[in-house]
């Protein structure tokens, strides 16, 4: 394929919004404390990082229970309650403190003709309201992954395909080493924003770490996407 032809193929940036723009891992920790306490399982930041993060939700619950020498409780009710509390916390945080830095950054990408896809469990209307004039190049997608604190490779690939994008012409903005692994498995570029709860994870293979959402990052992503 010639460079001239390839330039007309859409490019995309897929954003793991909850864990990069919003403080999702901390909000997830707080959201799950009540349901785990009701299931008589100890749960704090250390236990979450050791037994839950980077695992499928059901496996994480089983591993947490085993570490406390307890029978694994029924996972479905815990997952449902955690997801509901997490979604509410995300929406509340988003409306109370709109992420103006990220909004400005996303507009830089949109101005270059890059499709920006935001994956979030926050209320879609609240996320979309940040970009009243974005048009069709901005997509807000709700995708409840079965992974705890990360998105699996299938989510990244499905998101690209649903939005008419080729994986190799997409870059993902991720919030964990587990997500980076899934992104690389999907043949996308990857930038990550680390936080203490996932600092122990492997971020190897990513194109770069995110300190701030700004012009430098927008230029770096444009370079990876060859625009």
C-alpha atoms as a PDB file:
ATOM      1  CA  UNK A   1       0.000   0.000   0.000  1.00  0.00           C
ATOM      2  CA  UNK A   2       1.399   3.416  -0.959  1.00  0.00           C
ATOM      3  CA  UNK A   3       1.879   6.186   1.595  1.00  0.00           C
ATOM      4  CA  UNK A   4      -0.582   8.341  -0.339  1.00  0.00           C
ATOM      5  CA  UNK A   5      -3.282   5.691  -0.136  1.00  0.00           C
ATOM      6  CA  UNK A   6      -2.619   4.965   3.529  1.00  0.00           C
ATOM      7  CA  UNK A   7      -3.025   8.626   4.482  1.00  0.00           C
ATOM      8  CA  UNK A   8      -6.697   8.407   3.522  1.00  0.00           C
ATOM      9  CA  UNK A   9      -7.360   5.490   5.881  1.00  0.00           C
ATOM     10  CA  UNK A  10      -8.938   6.681   9.158  1.00  0.00           C
ATOM     11  CA  UNK A  11      -6.778   6.841  12.265  1.00  0.00           C
ATOM     12  CA  UNK A  12      -8.069   6.449  15.789  1.00  0.00           C
ATOM     13  CA  UNK A  13      -7.182   6.927  19.425  1.00  0.00           C
ATOM     14  CA  UNK A  14      -9.000   4.702  21.905  1.00  0.00           C
ATOM     15  CA  UNK A  15      -9.004   6.025  25.457  1.00  0.00           C
ATOM     16  CA  UNK A  16      -9.397   3.926  28.587  1.00  0.00           C
ATOM     17  CA  UNK A  17     -11.031   6.983  30.108  1.00  0.00           C
ATOM     18  CA  UNK A  18     -11.846   5.697  33.582  1.00  0.00           C
ATOM     19  CA  UNK A  19      -8.278   4.684  34.420  1.00  0.00           C
ATOM     20  CA  UNK A  20      -6.318   7.424  32.639  1.00  0.00           C
ATOM     21  CA  UNK A  21      -8.377  10.594  32.770  1.00  0.00           C
ATOM     22  CA  UNK A  22     -10.370   9.807  35.906  1.00  0.00           C
ATOM     23  CA  UNK A  23      -8.866   8.259  39.072  1.00  0.00           C
ATOM     24  CA  UNK A  24     -10.583   4.979  38.287  1.00  0.00           C
ATOM     25  CA  UNK A  25      -8.460   2.566  40.291  1.00  0.00           C
ATOM     26  CA  UNK A  26      -8.993   4.536  43.494  1.00  0.00           C
ATOM     27  CA  UNK A  27     -12.702   4.887  42.761  1.00  0.00           C
ATOM     28  CA  UNK A  28     -12.928   1.152  42.051  1.00  0.00           C
ATOM     29  CA  UNK A  29     -11.261   0.418  45.382  1.00  0.00           C
ATOM     30  CA  UNK A  30     -13.804   2.517  47.254  1.00  0.00           C
ATOM     31  CA  UNK A  31     -16.735   1.169  45.226  1.00  0.00           C
ATOM     32  CA  UNK A  32     -15.872  -2.440  46.071  1.00  0.00           C
ATOM     33  CA  UNK A  33     -15.303  -2.059  49.803  1.00  0.00           C
ATOM     34  CA  UNK A  34     -18.987  -2.379  50.695  1.00  0.00           C
ATOM     35  CA  UNK A  35     -19.790  -5.436  48.559  1.00  0.00           C
ATOM     36  CA  UNK A  36     -16.660  -7.253  49.732  1.00  0.00           C
ATOM     37  CA  UNK A  37     -17.381  -6.431  53.363  1.00  0.00           C
ATOM     38  CA  UNK A  38     -20.909  -7.827  52.921  1.00  0.00           C
ATOM     39  CA  UNK A  39     -19.310 -11.017  51.577  1.00  0.00           C
ATOM     40  CA  UNK A  40     -17.098 -11.110  54.690  1.00  0.00           C
ATOM     41  CA  UNK A  41     -13.881 -10.643  52.718  1.00  0.00           C
ATOM     42  CA  UNK A  42     -11.131  -8.260  53.748  1.00  0.00           C
ATOM     43  CA  UNK A  43     -10.385  -5.745  51.015  1.00  0.00           C
ATOM     44  CA  UNK A  44      -7.954  -2.841  50.862  1.00  0.00           C
ATOM     45  CA  UNK A  45      -5.484  -1.282  48.411  1.00  0.00           C
ATOM     46  CA  UNK A  46      -2.793  -3.893  49.040  1.00  0.00           C
ATOM     47  CA  UNK A  47      -5.158  -6.842  48.678  1.00  0.00           C
ATOM     48  CA  UNK A  48      -6.706  -5.313  45.580  1.00  0.00           C
ATOM     49  CA  UNK A  49      -3.328  -4.846  43.901  1.00  0.00           C
ATOM     50  CA  UNK A  50      -2.114  -8.327  44.862  1.00  0.00           C
ATOM     51  CA  UNK A  51      -5.165 -10.454  44.145  1.00  0.00           C
ATOM     52  CA  UNK A  52      -7.596  -8.507  41.953  1.00  0.00           C
ATOM     53  CA  UNK A  53      -5.995  -6.079  39.532  1.00  0.00           C
ATOM     54  CA  UNK A  54      -5.093  -7.634  36.211  1.00  0.00           C
ATOM     55  CA  UNK A  55      -7.347 -10.670  36.721  1.00  0.00           C
ATOM     56  CA  UNK A  56     -10.795 -11.512  35.506  1.00  0.00           C
ATOM     57  CA  UNK A  57     -13.239 -10.304  38.154  1.00  0.00           C
ATOM     58  CA  UNK A  58     -14.453 -13.792  39.062  1.00  0.00           C
ATOM     59  CA  UNK A  59     -10.907 -15.177  39.339  1.00  0.00           C
ATOM     60  CA  UNK A  60      -9.869 -12.235  41.454  1.00  0.00           C
ATOM     61  CA  UNK A  61     -12.682 -12.871  43.928  1.00  0.00           C
ATOM     62  CA  UNK A  62     -11.688 -16.534  44.160  1.00  0.00           C
ATOM     63  CA  UNK A  63      -8.014 -15.630  44.681  1.00  0.00           C
ATOM     64  CA  UNK A  64      -8.912 -13.079  47.362  1.00  0.00           C
ATOM     65  CA  UNK A  65     -11.083 -15.591  49.218  1.00  0.00           C
ATOM     66  CA  UNK A  66      -8.411 -18.289  48.993  1.00  0.00           C
ATOM     67  CA  UNK A  67      -5.802 -15.905  50.426  1.00  0.00           C
ATOM     68  CA  UNK A  68      -8.040 -15.538  53.471  1.00  0.00           C
ATOM     69  CA  UNK A  69      -8.724 -19.275  53.675  1.00  0.00           C
ATOM     70  CA  UNK A  70     -12.396 -18.792  52.925  1.00  0.00           C
ATOM     71  CA  UNK A  71     -14.750 -20.362  50.421  1.00  0.00           C
ATOM     72  CA  UNK A  72     -15.269 -18.211  47.369  1.00  0.00           C
ATOM     73  CA  UNK A  73     -18.626 -16.404  47.583  1.00  0.00           C
ATOM     74  CA  UNK A  74     -21.035 -16.177  44.663  1.00  0.00           C
ATOM     75  CA  UNK A  75     -19.351 -13.730  42.334  1.00  0.00           C
ATOM     76  CA  UNK A  76     -22.266 -12.339  40.323  1.00  0.00           C
ATOM     77  CA  UNK A  77     -23.927 -10.243  43.074  1.00  0.00           C
ATOM     78  CA  UNK A  78     -20.570  -8.783  44.132  1.00  0.00           C
ATOM     79  CA  UNK A  79     -19.669  -7.875  40.555  1.00  0.00           C
ATOM     80  CA  UNK A  80     -23.064  -6.271  39.948  1.00  0.00           C
ATOM     81  CA  UNK A  81     -22.863  -4.142  43.097  1.00  0.00           C
ATOM     82  CA  UNK A  82     -19.260  -3.114  42.457  1.00  0.00           C
ATOM     83  CA  UNK A  83     -19.975  -2.140  38.856  1.00  0.00           C
ATOM     84  CA  UNK A  84     -23.004  -0.061  39.833  1.00  0.00           C
ATOM     85  CA  UNK A  85     -21.148   1.774  42.593  1.00  0.00           C
ATOM     86  CA  UNK A  86     -18.144   2.297  40.316  1.00  0.00           C
ATOM     87  CA  UNK A  87     -20.243   3.762  37.494  1.00  0.00           C
ATOM     88  CA  UNK A  88     -21.961   6.151  39.896  1.00  0.00           C
ATOM     89  CA  UNK A  89     -18.631   7.279  41.371  1.00  0.00           C
ATOM     90  CA  UNK A  90     -17.177   7.892  37.899  1.00  0.00           C
ATOM     91  CA  UNK A  91     -20.148  10.004  36.818  1.00  0.00           C
ATOM     92  CA  UNK A  92     -20.084  11.995  40.038  1.00  0.00           C
ATOM     93  CA  UNK A  93     -16.343  12.664  39.739  1.00  0.00           C
ATOM     94  CA  UNK A  94     -16.688  13.664  36.088  1.00  0.00           C
ATOM     95  CA  UNK A  95     -19.445  16.187  36.756  1.00  0.00           C
ATOM     96  CA  UNK A  96     -17.821  17.647  39.869  1.00  0.00           C
ATOM     97  CA  UNK A  97     -14.384  18.096  38.286  1.00  0.00           C
ATOM     98  CA  UNK A  98     -14.503  18.128  34.460  1.00  0.00           C
ATOM     99  CA  UNK A  99     -11.137  17.062  32.965  1.00  0.00           C
ATOM    100  CA  UNK A 100     -10.383  20.259  31.061  1.00  0.00           C
ATOM    101  CA  UNK A 101      -6.789  19.238  30.251  1.00  0.00           C
ATOM    102  CA  UNK A 102      -7.943  16.066  28.529  1.00  0.00           C
ATOM    103  CA  UNK A 103     -10.722  17.879  26.682  1.00  0.00           C
ATOM    104  CA  UNK A 104      -8.197  20.313  25.186  1.00  0.00           C
ATOM    105  CA  UNK A 105      -5.921  17.409  24.251  1.00  0.00           C
ATOM    106  CA  UNK A 106      -8.724  15.459  22.578  1.00  0.00           C
ATOM    107  CA  UNK A 107      -9.670  18.519  20.552  1.00  0.00           C
ATOM    108  CA  UNK A 108      -6.092  18.653  19.215  1.00  0.00           C
ATOM    109  CA  UNK A 109      -6.502  15.119  17.886  1.00  0.00           C
ATOM    110  CA  UNK A 110      -9.951  15.816  16.462  1.00  0.00           C
ATOM    111  CA  UNK A 111      -8.568  18.869  14.660  1.00  0.00           C
ATOM    112  CA  UNK A 112      -6.108  16.548  12.891  1.00  0.00           C
ATOM    113  CA  UNK A 113      -8.921  14.310  11.709  1.00  0.00           C
ATOM    114  CA  UNK A 114      -8.196  11.557  14.247  1.00  0.00           C
ATOM    115  CA  UNK A 115     -11.211   9.670  15.545  1.00  0.00           C
ATOM    116  CA  UNK A 116     -11.293   9.688  19.357  1.00  0.00           C
ATOM    117  CA  UNK A 117     -13.138   6.832  21.034  1.00  0.00           C
ATOM    118  CA  UNK A 118     -13.716   7.109  24.760  1.00  0.00           C
ATOM    119  CA  UNK A 119     -14.468   3.891  26.646  1.00  0.00           C
ATOM    120  CA  UNK A 120     -16.073   4.630  30.003  1.00  0.00           C
ATOM    121  CA  UNK A 121     -18.558   3.288  32.498  1.00  0.00           C
ATOM    122  CA  UNK A 122     -19.553   6.829  33.466  1.00  0.00           C
ATOM    123  CA  UNK A 123     -22.877   8.040  32.117  1.00  0.00           C
ATOM    124  CA  UNK A 124     -22.399   8.472  28.361  1.00  0.00           C
ATOM    125  CA  UNK A 125     -24.343  11.756  28.319  1.00  0.00           C
ATOM    126  CA  UNK A 126     -22.010  13.219  30.939  1.00  0.00           C
ATOM    127  CA  UNK A 127     -18.926  12.259  28.914  1.00  0.00           C
ATOM    128  CA  UNK A 128     -20.383  13.443  25.628  1.00  0.00           C
ATOM    129  CA  UNK A 129     -21.332  16.792  27.198  1.00  0.00           C
ATOM    130  CA  UNK A 130     -17.616  17.598  27.471  1.00  0.00           C
ATOM    131  CA  UNK A 131     -17.486  17.819  23.660  1.00  0.00           C
ATOM    132  CA  UNK A 132     -20.640  19.601  22.483  1.00  0.00           C
ATOM    133  CA  UNK A 133     -19.219  20.411  19.029  1.00  0.00           C
ATOM    134  CA  UNK A 134     -17.099  17.310  18.361  1.00  0.00           C
ATOM    135  CA  UNK A 135     -19.274  15.768  15.672  1.00  0.00           C
ATOM    136  CA  UNK A 136     -18.957  12.195  14.457  1.00  0.00           C
ATOM    137  CA  UNK A 137     -15.213  11.960  15.042  1.00  0.00           C
ATOM    138  CA  UNK A 138     -15.812  11.574  18.773  1.00  0.00           C
ATOM    139  CA  UNK A 139     -17.435   8.378  20.040  1.00  0.00           C
ATOM    140  CA  UNK A 140     -18.395   7.535  23.618  1.00  0.00           C
ATOM    141  CA  UNK A 141     -18.667   3.820  24.230  1.00  0.00           C
ATOM    142  CA  UNK A 142     -19.812   1.898  27.282  1.00  0.00           C
ATOM    143  CA  UNK A 143     -18.014  -1.419  27.562  1.00  0.00           C
ATOM    144  CA  UNK A 144     -18.129  -3.276  30.857  1.00  0.00           C
ATOM    145  CA  UNK A 145     -15.100  -5.539  30.741  1.00  0.00           C
ATOM    146  CA  UNK A 146     -14.936  -8.723  32.759  1.00  0.00           C
ATOM    147  CA  UNK A 147     -11.404  -7.694  33.707  1.00  0.00           C
ATOM    148  CA  UNK A 148     -10.844  -6.007  37.057  1.00  0.00           C
ATOM    149  CA  UNK A 149      -9.291  -2.590  36.478  1.00  0.00           C
ATOM    150  CA  UNK A 150      -8.297  -3.181  32.850  1.00  0.00           C
ATOM    151  CA  UNK A 151      -9.603  -3.869  29.347  1.00  0.00           C
ATOM    152  CA  UNK A 152      -8.761  -7.142  27.629  1.00  0.00           C
ATOM    153  CA  UNK A 153      -7.461  -7.506  24.070  1.00  0.00           C
ATOM    154  CA  UNK A 154     -10.925  -8.387  22.782  1.00  0.00           C
ATOM    155  CA  UNK A 155     -12.325  -5.034  23.910  1.00  0.00           C
ATOM    156  CA  UNK A 156      -9.592  -3.074  22.126  1.00  0.00           C
ATOM    157  CA  UNK A 157      -9.979  -5.030  18.894  1.00  0.00           C
ATOM    158  CA  UNK A 158     -13.768  -4.976  18.954  1.00  0.00           C
ATOM    159  CA  UNK A 159     -13.781  -1.226  19.586  1.00  0.00           C
ATOM    160  CA  UNK A 160     -11.538  -0.558  16.589  1.00  0.00           C
ATOM    161  CA  UNK A 161     -13.596  -2.760  14.272  1.00  0.00           C
ATOM    162  CA  UNK A 162     -16.942  -1.346  15.449  1.00  0.00           C
ATOM    163  CA  UNK A 163     -15.722   2.133  14.592  1.00  0.00           C
ATOM    164  CA  UNK A 164     -14.382   1.344  11.134  1.00  0.00           C
ATOM    165  CA  UNK A 165     -10.718   1.443  12.165  1.00  0.00           C
ATOM    166  CA  UNK A 166      -7.788  -0.857  11.476  1.00  0.00           C
ATOM    167  CA  UNK A 167      -5.929  -1.897  14.590  1.00  0.00           C
ATOM    168  CA  UNK A 168      -2.485  -1.014  13.273  1.00  0.00           C
ATOM    169  CA  UNK A 169      -3.689   2.546  12.638  1.00  0.00           C
ATOM    170  CA  UNK A 170      -4.936   2.989  16.191  1.00  0.00           C
ATOM    171  CA  UNK A 171      -3.250   4.114  19.384  1.00  0.00           C
ATOM    172  CA  UNK A 172      -4.617   3.234  22.810  1.00  0.00           C
ATOM    173  CA  UNK A 173      -4.312   5.352  25.932  1.00  0.00           C
ATOM    174  CA  UNK A 174      -4.255   2.888  28.791  1.00  0.00           C
ATOM    175  CA  UNK A 175      -4.187   2.857  32.568  1.00  0.00           C
ATOM    176  CA  UNK A 176      -2.460  -0.406  33.451  1.00  0.00           C
ATOM    177  CA  UNK A 177       0.166  -2.884  32.359  1.00  0.00           C
ATOM    178  CA  UNK A 178      -2.599  -5.440  31.874  1.00  0.00           C
ATOM    179  CA  UNK A 179      -4.296  -3.134  29.375  1.00  0.00           C
ATOM    180  CA  UNK A 180      -0.987  -2.480  27.611  1.00  0.00           C
ATOM    181  CA  UNK A 181      -0.610  -6.230  27.125  1.00  0.00           C
ATOM    182  CA  UNK A 182      -4.063  -6.445  25.547  1.00  0.00           C
ATOM    183  CA  UNK A 183      -3.384  -3.455  23.323  1.00  0.00           C
ATOM    184  CA  UNK A 184      -0.122  -4.899  22.023  1.00  0.00           C
ATOM    185  CA  UNK A 185      -1.874  -8.216  21.355  1.00  0.00           C
ATOM    186  CA  UNK A 186      -4.271  -6.252  19.162  1.00  0.00           C
ATOM    187  CA  UNK A 187      -1.408  -4.694  17.145  1.00  0.00           C
ATOM    188  CA  UNK A 188      -2.088  -1.147  18.325  1.00  0.00           C
ATOM    189  CA  UNK A 189       0.269   1.490  19.618  1.00  0.00           C
ATOM    190  CA  UNK A 190       0.084   2.090  23.365  1.00  0.00           C
ATOM    191  CA  UNK A 191       0.668   4.981  25.723  1.00  0.00           C
ATOM    192  CA  UNK A 192       0.048   4.513  29.433  1.00  0.00           C
ATOM    193  CA  UNK A 193      -0.660   6.573  32.518  1.00  0.00           C
ATOM    194  CA  UNK A 194       0.627   4.864  35.618  1.00  0.00           C
ATOM    195  CA  UNK A 195      -0.657   5.200  39.167  1.00  0.00           C
ATOM    196  CA  UNK A 196       0.599   3.615  42.415  1.00  0.00           C
ATOM    197  CA  UNK A 197      -2.019   0.839  42.470  1.00  0.00           C
ATOM    198  CA  UNK A 198      -0.712  -0.631  39.203  1.00  0.00           C
ATOM    199  CA  UNK A 199       2.937   0.439  39.394  1.00  0.00           C
ATOM    200  CA  UNK A 200       4.000  -3.198  39.919  1.00  0.00           C
ATOM    201  CA  UNK A 201       2.594  -4.256  36.532  1.00  0.00           C
ATOM    202  CA  UNK A 202       4.646  -4.709  33.369  1.00  0.00           C
ATOM    203  CA  UNK A 203       4.318  -1.793  30.928  1.00  0.00           C
ATOM    204  CA  UNK A 204       6.953  -3.156  28.557  1.00  0.00           C
ATOM    205  CA  UNK A 205       6.367  -2.576  24.859  1.00  0.00           C
ATOM    206  CA  UNK A 206       4.391   0.653  25.246  1.00  0.00           C
ATOM    207  CA  UNK A 207       5.301   3.627  23.069  1.00  0.00           C
ATOM    208  CA  UNK A 208       5.528   5.968  26.030  1.00  0.00           C
ATOM    209  CA  UNK A 209       4.316   7.088  29.443  1.00  0.00           C
ATOM    210  CA  UNK A 210       1.855   9.942  29.894  1.00  0.00           C
ATOM    211  CA  UNK A 211       2.713  12.719  32.300  1.00  0.00           C
ATOM    212  CA  UNK A 212       0.175  15.261  31.054  1.00  0.00           C
ATOM    213  CA  UNK A 213      -2.421  15.489  28.306  1.00  0.00           C
ATOM    214  CA  UNK A 214      -1.069  18.175  26.033  1.00  0.00           C
ATOM    215  CA  UNK A 215       0.561  19.127  22.751  1.00  0.00           C
ATOM    216  CA  UNK A 216       3.638  16.923  23.260  1.00  0.00           C
ATOM    217  CA  UNK A 217       1.509  13.803  23.690  1.00  0.00           C
ATOM    218  CA  UNK A 218      -0.682  14.767  20.722  1.00  0.00           C
ATOM    219  CA  UNK A 219       2.444  15.106  18.567  1.00  0.00           C
ATOM    220  CA  UNK A 220       3.838  11.784  19.808  1.00  0.00           C
ATOM    221  CA  UNK A 221       0.591  10.019  18.942  1.00  0.00           C
ATOM    222  CA  UNK A 222       0.503  11.689  15.523  1.00  0.00           C
ATOM    223  CA  UNK A 223       4.028  10.376  14.920  1.00  0.00           C
ATOM    224  CA  UNK A 224       3.009   6.805  15.795  1.00  0.00           C
ATOM    225  CA  UNK A 225      -0.047   7.110  13.551  1.00  0.00           C
ATOM    226  CA  UNK A 226       2.111   8.598  10.771  1.00  0.00           C
ATOM    227  CA  UNK A 227       0.103  11.766  10.260  1.00  0.00           C
END
